[in-house]
Amino acid sequence: MFDEADLPRRKSDLLADLAREDLDKLSIAELDERIVALEAELVRARAKREGAAAFRAAADSLFRNVD
């Protein structure tokens, strides 16, 4: 059959794993790198959300004006 490790993981699992990770093992430099990486991911996610919202607004306006 299929091994569960081969199946795609849900987003919530990835976030939960990230939140459960033991930060005590990381050095200050590693923590700084992690913070930079997480901040970059936030910027990427916010940009994607803004683009999706703009696309949705354009689609909504297009279909509302078809009278």
PDB file of N, CA and C in Angstrom:
ATOM      1  N   MET A   1       0.829  -1.178   0.000  1.00  0.00           N
ATOM      2  CA  MET A   1       0.000   0.000   0.000  1.00  0.00           C
ATOM      3  C   MET A   1       0.878   1.248   0.000  1.00  0.00           C
ATOM      4  N   PHE A   2       0.337   2.367   0.398  1.00  0.00           N
ATOM      5  CA  PHE A   2       1.077   3.627   0.426  1.00  0.00           C
ATOM      6  C   PHE A   2       1.655   3.877   1.812  1.00  0.00           C
ATOM      7  N   ASP A   3       2.836   4.413   1.807  1.00  0.00           N
ATOM      8  CA  ASP A   3       3.447   4.841   3.063  1.00  0.00           C
ATOM      9  C   ASP A   3       2.993   6.272   3.320  1.00  0.00           C
ATOM     10  N   GLU A   4       2.534   6.560   4.523  1.00  0.00           N
ATOM     11  CA  GLU A   4       2.045   7.902   4.837  1.00  0.00           C
ATOM     12  C   GLU A   4       3.107   8.971   4.627  1.00  0.00           C
ATOM     13  N   ALA A   5       4.364   8.618   4.765  1.00  0.00           N
ATOM     14  CA  ALA A   5       5.445   9.583   4.575  1.00  0.00           C
ATOM     15  C   ALA A   5       5.528  10.042   3.121  1.00  0.00           C
ATOM     16  N   ASP A   6       5.010   9.226   2.195  1.00  0.00           N
ATOM     17  CA  ASP A   6       5.051   9.570   0.772  1.00  0.00           C
ATOM     18  C   ASP A   6       3.902  10.486   0.358  1.00  0.00           C
ATOM     19  N   LEU A   7       2.893  10.593   1.198  1.00  0.00           N
ATOM     20  CA  LEU A   7       1.729  11.412   0.859  1.00  0.00           C
ATOM     21  C   LEU A   7       2.016  12.883   1.152  1.00  0.00           C
ATOM     22  N   PRO A   8       1.391  13.792   0.395  1.00  0.00           N
ATOM     23  CA  PRO A   8       1.581  15.222   0.695  1.00  0.00           C
ATOM     24  C   PRO A   8       1.029  15.548   2.073  1.00  0.00           C
ATOM     25  N   ARG A   9       1.705  16.450   2.748  1.00  0.00           N
ATOM     26  CA  ARG A   9       1.278  16.838   4.091  1.00  0.00           C
ATOM     27  C   ARG A   9       0.367  18.042   4.002  1.00  0.00           C
ATOM     28  N   ARG A  10      -0.596  18.099   4.923  1.00  0.00           N
ATOM     29  CA  ARG A  10      -1.489  19.249   4.990  1.00  0.00           C
ATOM     30  C   ARG A  10      -0.718  20.453   5.503  1.00  0.00           C
ATOM     31  N   LYS A  11      -1.135  21.644   5.068  1.00  0.00           N
ATOM     32  CA  LYS A  11      -0.490  22.877   5.509  1.00  0.00           C
ATOM     33  C   LYS A  11      -0.503  22.996   7.028  1.00  0.00           C
ATOM     34  N   SER A  12      -1.615  22.632   7.632  1.00  0.00           N
ATOM     35  CA  SER A  12      -1.712  22.775   9.080  1.00  0.00           C
ATOM     36  C   SER A  12      -0.695  21.883   9.783  1.00  0.00           C
ATOM     37  N   ASP A  13      -0.381  20.721   9.193  1.00  0.00           N
ATOM     38  CA  ASP A  13       0.632  19.853   9.775  1.00  0.00           C
ATOM     39  C   ASP A  13       1.994  20.531   9.741  1.00  0.00           C
ATOM     40  N   LEU A  14       2.314  21.185   8.638  1.00  0.00           N
ATOM     41  CA  LEU A  14       3.596  21.863   8.514  1.00  0.00           C
ATOM     42  C   LEU A  14       3.726  22.994   9.530  1.00  0.00           C
ATOM     43  N   LEU A  15       2.667  23.762   9.694  1.00  0.00           N
ATOM     44  CA  LEU A  15       2.691  24.847  10.675  1.00  0.00           C
ATOM     45  C   LEU A  15       2.780  24.311  12.093  1.00  0.00           C
ATOM     46  N   ALA A  16       2.067  23.236  12.358  1.00  0.00           N
ATOM     47  CA  ALA A  16       2.118  22.636  13.693  1.00  0.00           C
ATOM     48  C   ALA A  16       3.512  22.098  13.987  1.00  0.00           C
ATOM     49  N   ASP A  17       4.124  21.463  12.994  1.00  0.00           N
ATOM     50  CA  ASP A  17       5.487  20.952  13.169  1.00  0.00           C
ATOM     51  C   ASP A  17       6.452  22.093  13.441  1.00  0.00           C
ATOM     52  N   LEU A  18       6.288  23.179  12.732  1.00  0.00           N
ATOM     53  CA  LEU A  18       7.150  24.342  12.921  1.00  0.00           C
ATOM     54  C   LEU A  18       6.991  24.899  14.341  1.00  0.00           C
ATOM     55  N   ALA A  19       5.778  24.967  14.821  1.00  0.00           N
ATOM     56  CA  ALA A  19       5.514  25.498  16.155  1.00  0.00           C
ATOM     57  C   ALA A  19       6.030  24.570  17.256  1.00  0.00           C
ATOM     58  N   ARG A  20       6.072  23.266  16.974  1.00  0.00           N
ATOM     59  CA  ARG A  20       6.533  22.305  17.981  1.00  0.00           C
ATOM     60  C   ARG A  20       8.048  22.138  17.998  1.00  0.00           C
ATOM     61  N   GLU A  21       8.731  22.665  17.002  1.00  0.00           N
ATOM     62  CA  GLU A  21      10.174  22.473  16.921  1.00  0.00           C
ATOM     63  C   GLU A  21      10.865  23.048  18.155  1.00  0.00           C
ATOM     64  N   ASP A  22      11.810  22.301  18.686  1.00  0.00           N
ATOM     65  CA  ASP A  22      12.540  22.701  19.885  1.00  0.00           C
ATOM     66  C   ASP A  22      13.566  23.769  19.528  1.00  0.00           C
ATOM     67  N   LEU A  23      13.310  24.989  19.962  1.00  0.00           N
ATOM     68  CA  LEU A  23      14.209  26.099  19.658  1.00  0.00           C
ATOM     69  C   LEU A  23      15.404  26.150  20.608  1.00  0.00           C
ATOM     70  N   ASP A  24      15.345  25.388  21.688  1.00  0.00           N
ATOM     71  CA  ASP A  24      16.438  25.395  22.654  1.00  0.00           C
ATOM     72  C   ASP A  24      17.746  24.886  22.057  1.00  0.00           C
ATOM     73  N   LYS A  25      17.648  24.076  21.016  1.00  0.00           N
ATOM     74  CA  LYS A  25      18.838  23.492  20.393  1.00  0.00           C
ATOM     75  C   LYS A  25      19.546  24.467  19.454  1.00  0.00           C
ATOM     76  N   LEU A  26      18.899  25.573  19.122  1.00  0.00           N
ATOM     77  CA  LEU A  26      19.444  26.499  18.136  1.00  0.00           C
ATOM     78  C   LEU A  26      20.306  27.571  18.794  1.00  0.00           C
ATOM     79  N   SER A  27      21.369  27.921  18.090  1.00  0.00           N
ATOM     80  CA  SER A  27      22.228  29.002  18.560  1.00  0.00           C
ATOM     81  C   SER A  27      21.558  30.342  18.243  1.00  0.00           C
ATOM     82  N   ILE A  28      22.126  31.404  18.761  1.00  0.00           N
ATOM     83  CA  ILE A  28      21.601  32.732  18.467  1.00  0.00           C
ATOM     84  C   ILE A  28      21.652  32.997  16.966  1.00  0.00           C
ATOM     85  N   ALA A  29      22.759  32.624  16.328  1.00  0.00           N
ATOM     86  CA  ALA A  29      22.882  32.819  14.875  1.00  0.00           C
ATOM     87  C   ALA A  29      21.827  32.012  14.121  1.00  0.00           C
ATOM     88  N   GLU A  30      21.581  30.783  14.556  1.00  0.00           N
ATOM     89  CA  GLU A  30      20.552  29.955  13.907  1.00  0.00           C
ATOM     90  C   GLU A  30      19.161  30.532  14.135  1.00  0.00           C
ATOM     91  N   LEU A  31      18.926  31.060  15.323  1.00  0.00           N
ATOM     92  CA  LEU A  31      17.634  31.705  15.593  1.00  0.00           C
ATOM     93  C   LEU A  31      17.468  32.941  14.714  1.00  0.00           C
ATOM     94  N   ASP A  32      18.546  33.721  14.550  1.00  0.00           N
ATOM     95  CA  ASP A  32      18.487  34.895  13.673  1.00  0.00           C
ATOM     96  C   ASP A  32      18.187  34.483  12.233  1.00  0.00           C
ATOM     97  N   GLU A  33      18.821  33.412  11.759  1.00  0.00           N
ATOM     98  CA  GLU A  33      18.566  32.913  10.398  1.00  0.00           C
ATOM     99  C   GLU A  33      17.112  32.467  10.253  1.00  0.00           C
ATOM    100  N   ARG A  34      16.611  31.803  11.276  1.00  0.00           N
ATOM    101  CA  ARG A  34      15.215  31.335  11.241  1.00  0.00           C
ATOM    102  C   ARG A  34      14.262  32.516  11.185  1.00  0.00           C
ATOM    103  N   ILE A  35      14.532  33.541  11.992  1.00  0.00           N
ATOM    104  CA  ILE A  35      13.679  34.731  11.999  1.00  0.00           C
ATOM    105  C   ILE A  35      13.686  35.407  10.635  1.00  0.00           C
ATOM    106  N   VAL A  36      14.858  35.544  10.030  1.00  0.00           N
ATOM    107  CA  VAL A  36      14.963  36.157   8.700  1.00  0.00           C
ATOM    108  C   VAL A  36      14.165  35.332   7.679  1.00  0.00           C
ATOM    109  N   ALA A  37      14.307  34.011   7.731  1.00  0.00           N
ATOM    110  CA  ALA A  37      13.588  33.143   6.792  1.00  0.00           C
ATOM    111  C   ALA A  37      12.077  33.244   6.997  1.00  0.00           C
ATOM    112  N   LEU A  38      11.639  33.273   8.257  1.00  0.00           N
ATOM    113  CA  LEU A  38      10.202  33.374   8.533  1.00  0.00           C
ATOM    114  C   LEU A  38       9.648  34.732   8.114  1.00  0.00           C
ATOM    115  N   GLU A  39      10.418  35.790   8.336  1.00  0.00           N
ATOM    116  CA  GLU A  39       9.982  37.117   7.900  1.00  0.00           C
ATOM    117  C   GLU A  39       9.878  37.183   6.374  1.00  0.00           C
ATOM    118  N   ALA A  40      10.825  36.553   5.673  1.00  0.00           N
ATOM    119  CA  ALA A  40      10.766  36.511   4.210  1.00  0.00           C
ATOM    120  C   ALA A  40       9.538  35.735   3.744  1.00  0.00           C
ATOM    121  N   GLU A  41       9.199  34.670   4.441  1.00  0.00           N
ATOM    122  CA  GLU A  41       8.013  33.891   4.084  1.00  0.00           C
ATOM    123  C   GLU A  41       6.744  34.693   4.333  1.00  0.00           C
ATOM    124  N   LEU A  42       6.725  35.488   5.393  1.00  0.00           N
ATOM    125  CA  LEU A  42       5.578  36.366   5.647  1.00  0.00           C
ATOM    126  C   LEU A  42       5.410  37.378   4.524  1.00  0.00           C
ATOM    127  N   VAL A  43       6.503  37.964   4.073  1.00  0.00           N
ATOM    128  CA  VAL A  43       6.443  38.922   2.963  1.00  0.00           C
ATOM    129  C   VAL A  43       5.885  38.236   1.719  1.00  0.00           C
ATOM    130  N   ARG A  44       6.363  37.027   1.439  1.00  0.00           N
ATOM    131  CA  ARG A  44       5.893  36.283   0.265  1.00  0.00           C
ATOM    132  C   ARG A  44       4.412  35.948   0.380  1.00  0.00           C
ATOM    133  N   ALA A  45       3.974  35.506   1.553  1.00  0.00           N
ATOM    134  CA  ALA A  45       2.567  35.151   1.753  1.00  0.00           C
ATOM    135  C   ALA A  45       1.666  36.378   1.669  1.00  0.00           C
ATOM    136  N   ARG A  46       2.131  37.498   2.244  1.00  0.00           N
ATOM    137  CA  ARG A  46       1.326  38.728   2.174  1.00  0.00           C
ATOM    138  C   ARG A  46       1.206  39.231   0.742  1.00  0.00           C
ATOM    139  N   ALA A  47       2.287  39.135  -0.022  1.00  0.00           N
ATOM    140  CA  ALA A  47       2.245  39.566  -1.422  1.00  0.00           C
ATOM    141  C   ALA A  47       1.285  38.683  -2.223  1.00  0.00           C
ATOM    142  N   LYS A  48       1.323  37.401  -1.970  1.00  0.00           N
ATOM    143  CA  LYS A  48       0.416  36.472  -2.660  1.00  0.00           C
ATOM    144  C   LYS A  48      -1.028  36.779  -2.291  1.00  0.00           C
ATOM    145  N   ARG A  49      -1.276  37.069  -1.001  1.00  0.00           N
ATOM    146  CA  ARG A  49      -2.630  37.390  -0.556  1.00  0.00           C
ATOM    147  C   ARG A  49      -3.124  38.671  -1.204  1.00  0.00           C
ATOM    148  N   GLU A  50      -2.260  39.685  -1.273  1.00  0.00           N
ATOM    149  CA  GLU A  50      -2.650  40.950  -1.907  1.00  0.00           C
ATOM    150  C   GLU A  50      -2.980  40.739  -3.382  1.00  0.00           C
ATOM    151  N   GLY A  51      -2.177  39.928  -4.063  1.00  0.00           N
ATOM    152  CA  GLY A  51      -2.452  39.635  -5.465  1.00  0.00           C
ATOM    153  C   GLY A  51      -3.763  38.891  -5.645  1.00  0.00           C
ATOM    154  N   ALA A  52      -4.014  37.928  -4.767  1.00  0.00           N
ATOM    155  CA  ALA A  52      -5.264  37.165  -4.836  1.00  0.00           C
ATOM    156  C   ALA A  52      -6.459  38.055  -4.553  1.00  0.00           C
ATOM    157  N   ALA A  53      -6.321  38.964  -3.593  1.00  0.00           N
ATOM    158  CA  ALA A  53      -7.421  39.878  -3.269  1.00  0.00           C
ATOM    159  C   ALA A  53      -7.697  40.822  -4.436  1.00  0.00           C
ATOM    160  N   ALA A  54      -6.636  41.309  -5.082  1.00  0.00           N
ATOM    161  CA  ALA A  54      -6.811  42.197  -6.232  1.00  0.00           C
ATOM    162  C   ALA A  54      -7.478  41.453  -7.389  1.00  0.00           C
ATOM    163  N   PHE A  55      -7.063  40.214  -7.617  1.00  0.00           N
ATOM    164  CA  PHE A  55      -7.673  39.402  -8.677  1.00  0.00           C
ATOM    165  C   PHE A  55      -9.147  39.167  -8.379  1.00  0.00           C
ATOM    166  N   ARG A  56      -9.444  38.853  -7.130  1.00  0.00           N
ATOM    167  CA  ARG A  56     -10.835  38.613  -6.743  1.00  0.00           C
ATOM    168  C   ARG A  56     -11.677  39.872  -6.903  1.00  0.00           C
ATOM    169  N   ALA A  57     -11.123  41.013  -6.507  1.00  0.00           N
ATOM    170  CA  ALA A  57     -11.852  42.274  -6.639  1.00  0.00           C
ATOM    171  C   ALA A  57     -12.114  42.592  -8.108  1.00  0.00           C
ATOM    172  N   ALA A  58     -11.128  42.329  -8.965  1.00  0.00           N
ATOM    173  CA  ALA A  58     -11.312  42.576 -10.398  1.00  0.00           C
ATOM    174  C   ALA A  58     -12.375  41.656 -10.977  1.00  0.00           C
ATOM    175  N   ALA A  59     -12.355  40.396 -10.574  1.00  0.00           N
ATOM    176  CA  ALA A  59     -13.362  39.440 -11.061  1.00  0.00           C
ATOM    177  C   ALA A  59     -14.743  39.834 -10.557  1.00  0.00           C
ATOM    178  N   ASP A  60     -14.843  40.192  -9.292  1.00  0.00           N
ATOM    179  CA  ASP A  60     -16.139  40.606  -8.733  1.00  0.00           C
ATOM    180  C   ASP A  60     -16.686  41.823  -9.481  1.00  0.00           C
ATOM    181  N   SER A  61     -15.819  42.787  -9.762  1.00  0.00           N
ATOM    182  CA  SER A  61     -16.266  43.993 -10.446  1.00  0.00           C
ATOM    183  C   SER A  61     -16.678  43.684 -11.892  1.00  0.00           C
ATOM    184  N   LEU A  62     -15.994  42.776 -12.524  1.00  0.00           N
ATOM    185  CA  LEU A  62     -16.331  42.395 -13.892  1.00  0.00           C
ATOM    186  C   LEU A  62     -17.719  41.758 -13.945  1.00  0.00           C
ATOM    187  N   PHE A  63     -17.986  40.849 -13.030  1.00  0.00           N
ATOM    188  CA  PHE A  63     -19.265  40.148 -13.062  1.00  0.00           C
ATOM    189  C   PHE A  63     -20.407  40.999 -12.524  1.00  0.00           C
ATOM    190  N   ARG A  64     -20.132  41.971 -11.684  1.00  0.00           N
ATOM    191  CA  ARG A  64     -21.189  42.864 -11.193  1.00  0.00           C
ATOM    192  C   ARG A  64     -21.641  43.831 -12.290  1.00  0.00           C
ATOM    193  N   ASN A  65     -20.760  44.173 -13.194  1.00  0.00           N
ATOM    194  CA  ASN A  65     -21.067  45.161 -14.232  1.00  0.00           C
ATOM    195  C   ASN A  65     -21.641  44.523 -15.491  1.00  0.00           C
ATOM    196  N   VAL A  66     -22.005  43.260 -15.472  1.00  0.00           N
ATOM    197  CA  VAL A  66     -22.544  42.600 -16.651  1.00  0.00           C
ATOM    198  C   VAL A  66     -24.075  42.652 -16.633  1.00  0.00           C
ATOM    199  N   ASP A  67     -24.643  43.800 -16.622  1.00  0.00           N
ATOM    200  CA  ASP A  67     -26.111  43.941 -16.603  1.00  0.00           C
ATOM    201  C   ASP A  67     -26.632  44.345 -17.913  1.00  0.00           C
TER     202      ASP A  67
END
